[in-house]
Amino acid sequence: AEDGIRDVERSRGLGDVYKRQVREALDDLLAPGQTGGERPKAPRAPSASRECEDGGAEKDFVCYVAAGGVVVNDGRVLVLRRRSGGEVRLPKGHVEPGEDARTAAARETGEESGYAALAVQADLGTQVSEFVHAGRHVVRTERYFLMTLTDDQAESEGGEEQFEPLWLTWDEALAALTFEPEREWVRRALAFCRDHFA
């Protein structure tokens, strides 16, 4: 699971060339029948003149692909409160070599939250977040999926100790989440639920 990077996150308008590179990298990552081994090249940062292999890094620049879930159950949204610092987040983490984003999202959501019996209901799309951490420019391409519980698991079982799982109403989740890009994922999930499950 993603190791506690304290983000100073923002979604930023990116140039068309960069957006195309992000889409191409994701298309490669999600290609049907892809097996393990080589990982696609991550897109260049707008200000970078060199490429960064996903999972690799240069001294002042790192880029990677992450995937996560917006889990809903009985009109409530699962969020994770970091026990140290109080950040409220959605579950997510790195896409591992040979893994597609959907599989990574379900795995990371289960690992971090302790709710492992999940069904993916919809692909919520892609966002690119940029932030500075420890003097590095980080570009993270995120994929999120709407998920529901497949059983009546009332309590979290074996989630990461650093997180406290909380079930909040849609409005509470939007108010509590620390970072704007994650509020956008919840808005997308709510719109999908209203259109398809109302």
Protein backbone atom coordinates (compact mmCIF):
# COMPACT_ATOMS: atom_id res chain seq x y z
CA ALA A 1 0.00 0.00 0.00
CA GLU A 2 1.04 3.54 -0.52
CA ASP A 3 3.53 4.64 2.10
CA GLY A 4 2.29 7.76 3.90
CA ILE A 5 3.33 10.51 1.54
CA ARG A 6 2.01 13.75 2.97
CA ASP A 7 0.63 15.30 -0.16
CA VAL A 8 0.31 18.91 -1.02
CA GLU A 9 -2.01 17.88 -3.81
CA ARG A 10 -3.73 19.72 -6.55
CA SER A 11 -5.26 18.74 -9.84
CA ARG A 12 -3.73 20.96 -12.46
CA GLY A 13 -4.68 21.76 -16.03
CA LEU A 14 -2.12 19.97 -18.19
CA GLY A 15 -1.20 20.50 -21.80
CA ASP A 16 -2.80 18.39 -24.50
CA VAL A 17 0.46 16.58 -25.27
CA TYR A 18 0.88 15.57 -21.64
CA LYS A 19 -2.76 14.45 -21.39
CA ARG A 20 -2.27 12.32 -24.51
CA GLN A 21 0.84 10.74 -22.96
CA VAL A 22 -1.13 9.93 -19.81
CA ARG A 23 -3.89 8.29 -21.87
CA GLU A 24 -1.36 6.28 -23.88
CA ALA A 25 0.39 5.10 -20.72
CA LEU A 26 -2.93 4.01 -19.23
CA ASP A 27 -3.97 2.29 -22.45
CA ASP A 28 -0.72 0.33 -22.36
CA LEU A 29 -1.21 -0.49 -18.70
CA LEU A 30 -4.76 -1.70 -19.21
CA ALA A 31 -4.25 -3.54 -22.50
CA PRO A 32 -6.27 -6.79 -22.59
CA GLY A 33 -4.18 -9.90 -22.10
CA GLN A 34 -1.18 -8.00 -20.79
CA THR A 35 1.08 -10.22 -18.75
CA GLY A 36 3.72 -9.31 -16.19
CA GLY A 37 7.17 -8.11 -17.00
CA GLU A 38 7.59 -4.80 -18.70
CA ARG A 39 5.76 -1.80 -17.36
CA PRO A 40 4.66 1.06 -19.58
CA LYS A 41 6.54 4.31 -19.53
CA ALA A 42 4.89 6.94 -17.41
CA PRO A 43 4.18 10.30 -18.99
CA ARG A 44 6.58 13.18 -18.74
CA ALA A 45 5.87 15.95 -16.34
CA PRO A 46 5.08 19.19 -18.15
CA SER A 47 8.32 20.79 -16.99
CA ALA A 48 10.50 17.69 -17.32
CA SER A 49 12.79 17.10 -20.26
CA ARG A 50 13.42 13.45 -19.41
CA GLU A 51 11.25 10.38 -19.09
CA CYS A 52 10.65 8.62 -15.83
CA GLU A 53 9.87 4.92 -15.77
CA ASP A 54 6.81 4.25 -13.63
CA GLY A 55 8.11 3.19 -10.25
CA GLY A 56 11.48 4.76 -10.96
CA ALA A 57 12.73 8.16 -9.98
CA GLU A 58 15.30 10.79 -10.59
CA LYS A 59 16.60 12.94 -7.76
CA ASP A 60 14.00 15.65 -8.19
CA PHE A 61 11.19 13.94 -10.15
CA VAL A 62 9.05 10.84 -9.67
CA CYS A 63 5.94 9.58 -11.43
CA TYR A 64 3.73 6.55 -10.90
CA VAL A 65 0.24 5.12 -11.41
CA ALA A 66 -2.06 4.56 -8.44
CA ALA A 67 -5.53 3.03 -8.20
CA GLY A 68 -8.20 3.12 -5.53
CA GLY A 69 -11.84 2.75 -4.66
CA VAL A 70 -14.87 4.72 -3.60
CA VAL A 71 -16.70 2.06 -1.58
CA VAL A 72 -20.40 2.66 -0.89
CA ASN A 73 -22.78 0.72 1.32
CA ASP A 74 -26.32 1.69 2.36
CA GLY A 75 -25.84 5.31 1.34
CA ARG A 76 -22.51 5.70 3.10
CA VAL A 77 -18.97 6.11 1.79
CA LEU A 78 -15.89 4.40 3.21
CA VAL A 79 -13.07 6.79 4.09
CA LEU A 80 -9.84 6.22 6.01
CA ARG A 81 -8.69 8.54 8.78
CA ARG A 82 -4.94 8.46 9.30
CA ARG A 83 -4.41 7.91 13.02
CA SER A 84 -1.39 10.21 13.07
CA GLY A 85 -2.16 13.62 11.68
CA GLY A 86 -5.87 13.12 11.12
CA GLU A 87 -5.88 13.18 7.30
CA VAL A 88 -9.02 11.70 5.81
CA ARG A 89 -8.38 9.78 2.60
CA LEU A 90 -9.86 7.32 0.15
CA PRO A 91 -8.09 3.97 -0.10
CA LYS A 92 -5.54 3.73 -2.92
CA GLY A 93 -2.01 2.59 -3.71
CA HIS A 94 0.54 1.75 -6.37
CA VAL A 95 -0.31 -0.40 -9.38
CA GLU A 96 2.23 -3.23 -9.20
CA PRO A 97 4.15 -4.67 -12.18
CA GLY A 98 1.90 -6.87 -14.33
CA GLU A 99 -1.24 -5.68 -12.52
CA ASP A 100 -4.12 -3.81 -14.15
CA ALA A 101 -5.66 -0.77 -12.47
CA ARG A 102 -8.95 -2.50 -11.59
CA THR A 103 -7.19 -5.35 -9.81
CA ALA A 104 -4.83 -2.96 -8.03
CA ALA A 105 -7.74 -0.80 -6.87
CA ALA A 106 -9.56 -3.76 -5.31
CA ARG A 107 -6.36 -5.10 -3.72
CA GLU A 108 -5.28 -1.76 -2.27
CA THR A 109 -8.77 -0.93 -1.01
CA GLY A 110 -8.98 -4.28 0.78
CA GLU A 111 -5.47 -4.06 2.21
CA GLU A 112 -5.84 -0.54 3.55
CA SER A 113 -9.43 -0.72 4.81
CA GLY A 114 -9.80 -4.34 5.92
CA TYR A 115 -12.93 -4.73 3.77
CA ALA A 116 -11.83 -7.37 1.27
CA ALA A 117 -15.16 -8.61 -0.15
CA LEU A 118 -15.60 -5.96 -2.82
CA ALA A 119 -17.36 -5.77 -6.18
CA VAL A 120 -16.28 -3.19 -8.74
CA GLN A 121 -19.37 -1.46 -10.13
CA ALA A 122 -17.91 1.24 -12.38
CA ASP A 123 -14.74 2.88 -13.65
CA LEU A 124 -14.73 6.48 -12.40
CA GLY A 125 -11.99 7.59 -14.78
CA THR A 126 -8.57 9.19 -14.46
CA GLN A 127 -7.08 12.21 -12.75
CA VAL A 128 -3.50 13.44 -12.62
CA SER A 129 -2.31 14.92 -9.32
CA GLU A 130 0.92 16.82 -8.91
CA PHE A 131 2.52 17.69 -5.60
CA VAL A 132 5.87 18.27 -3.96
CA HIS A 133 7.13 15.79 -1.39
CA ALA A 134 10.57 15.91 0.23
CA GLY A 135 11.80 18.29 -2.45
CA ARG A 136 10.62 16.07 -5.32
CA HIS A 137 8.10 16.94 -8.00
CA VAL A 138 5.65 14.01 -8.00
CA VAL A 139 3.23 13.27 -10.82
CA ARG A 140 0.65 10.62 -9.90
CA THR A 141 -1.82 9.28 -12.45
CA GLU A 142 -4.83 7.99 -10.52
CA ARG A 143 -7.57 5.54 -11.54
CA TYR A 144 -10.56 5.08 -9.25
CA PHE A 145 -13.44 2.63 -9.26
CA LEU A 146 -16.85 2.62 -7.61
CA MET A 147 -17.14 -0.45 -5.36
CA THR A 148 -19.72 -2.08 -3.12
CA LEU A 149 -19.45 -4.71 -0.39
CA THR A 150 -20.37 -8.24 -1.47
CA ASP A 151 -21.24 -9.46 2.03
CA ASP A 152 -22.53 -8.08 5.31
CA GLN A 153 -19.09 -7.55 6.84
CA ALA A 154 -19.88 -5.08 9.62
CA GLU A 155 -16.36 -4.49 10.88
CA SER A 156 -13.02 -3.97 9.19
CA GLU A 157 -10.78 -7.03 9.43
CA GLY A 158 -7.02 -6.74 9.15
CA GLY A 159 -6.73 -3.33 7.53
CA GLU A 160 -3.61 -1.24 7.85
CA GLU A 161 -3.02 -0.07 11.42
CA GLN A 162 -2.27 3.50 10.31
CA PHE A 163 -5.89 3.94 9.15
CA GLU A 164 -9.24 4.02 10.95
CA PRO A 165 -12.07 3.11 8.54
CA LEU A 166 -15.14 5.36 8.79
CA TRP A 167 -18.51 5.12 7.03
CA LEU A 168 -19.82 8.61 6.29
CA THR A 169 -22.79 9.99 4.38
CA TRP A 170 -22.02 11.47 0.97
CA ASP A 171 -22.09 15.01 2.38
CA GLU A 172 -19.98 14.08 5.40
CA ALA A 173 -17.39 12.40 3.17
CA LEU A 174 -17.18 15.43 0.89
CA ALA A 175 -16.69 17.69 3.91
CA ALA A 176 -14.18 15.41 5.68
CA LEU A 177 -11.80 14.44 2.87
CA THR A 178 -8.53 16.33 3.13
CA PHE A 179 -7.69 16.68 -0.56
CA GLU A 180 -9.78 18.11 -3.39
CA PRO A 181 -8.89 15.41 -5.97
CA GLU A 182 -10.43 12.80 -3.63
CA ARG A 183 -13.59 14.87 -3.21
CA GLU A 184 -13.84 14.83 -7.01
CA TRP A 185 -13.80 11.00 -6.96
CA VAL A 186 -16.69 11.02 -4.47
CA ARG A 187 -18.63 13.47 -6.63
CA ARG A 188 -18.14 11.20 -9.66
CA ALA A 189 -19.28 8.16 -7.65
CA LEU A 190 -22.36 9.99 -6.37
CA ALA A 191 -23.30 11.08 -9.90
CA PHE A 192 -22.96 7.50 -11.14
CA CYS A 193 -25.09 6.16 -8.28
CA ARG A 194 -27.81 8.73 -8.92
CA ASP A 195 -27.86 7.88 -12.62
CA HIS A 196 -27.76 4.09 -12.27
CA PHE A 197 -29.07 3.08 -8.84
CA ALA A 198 -31.77 5.66 -8.13
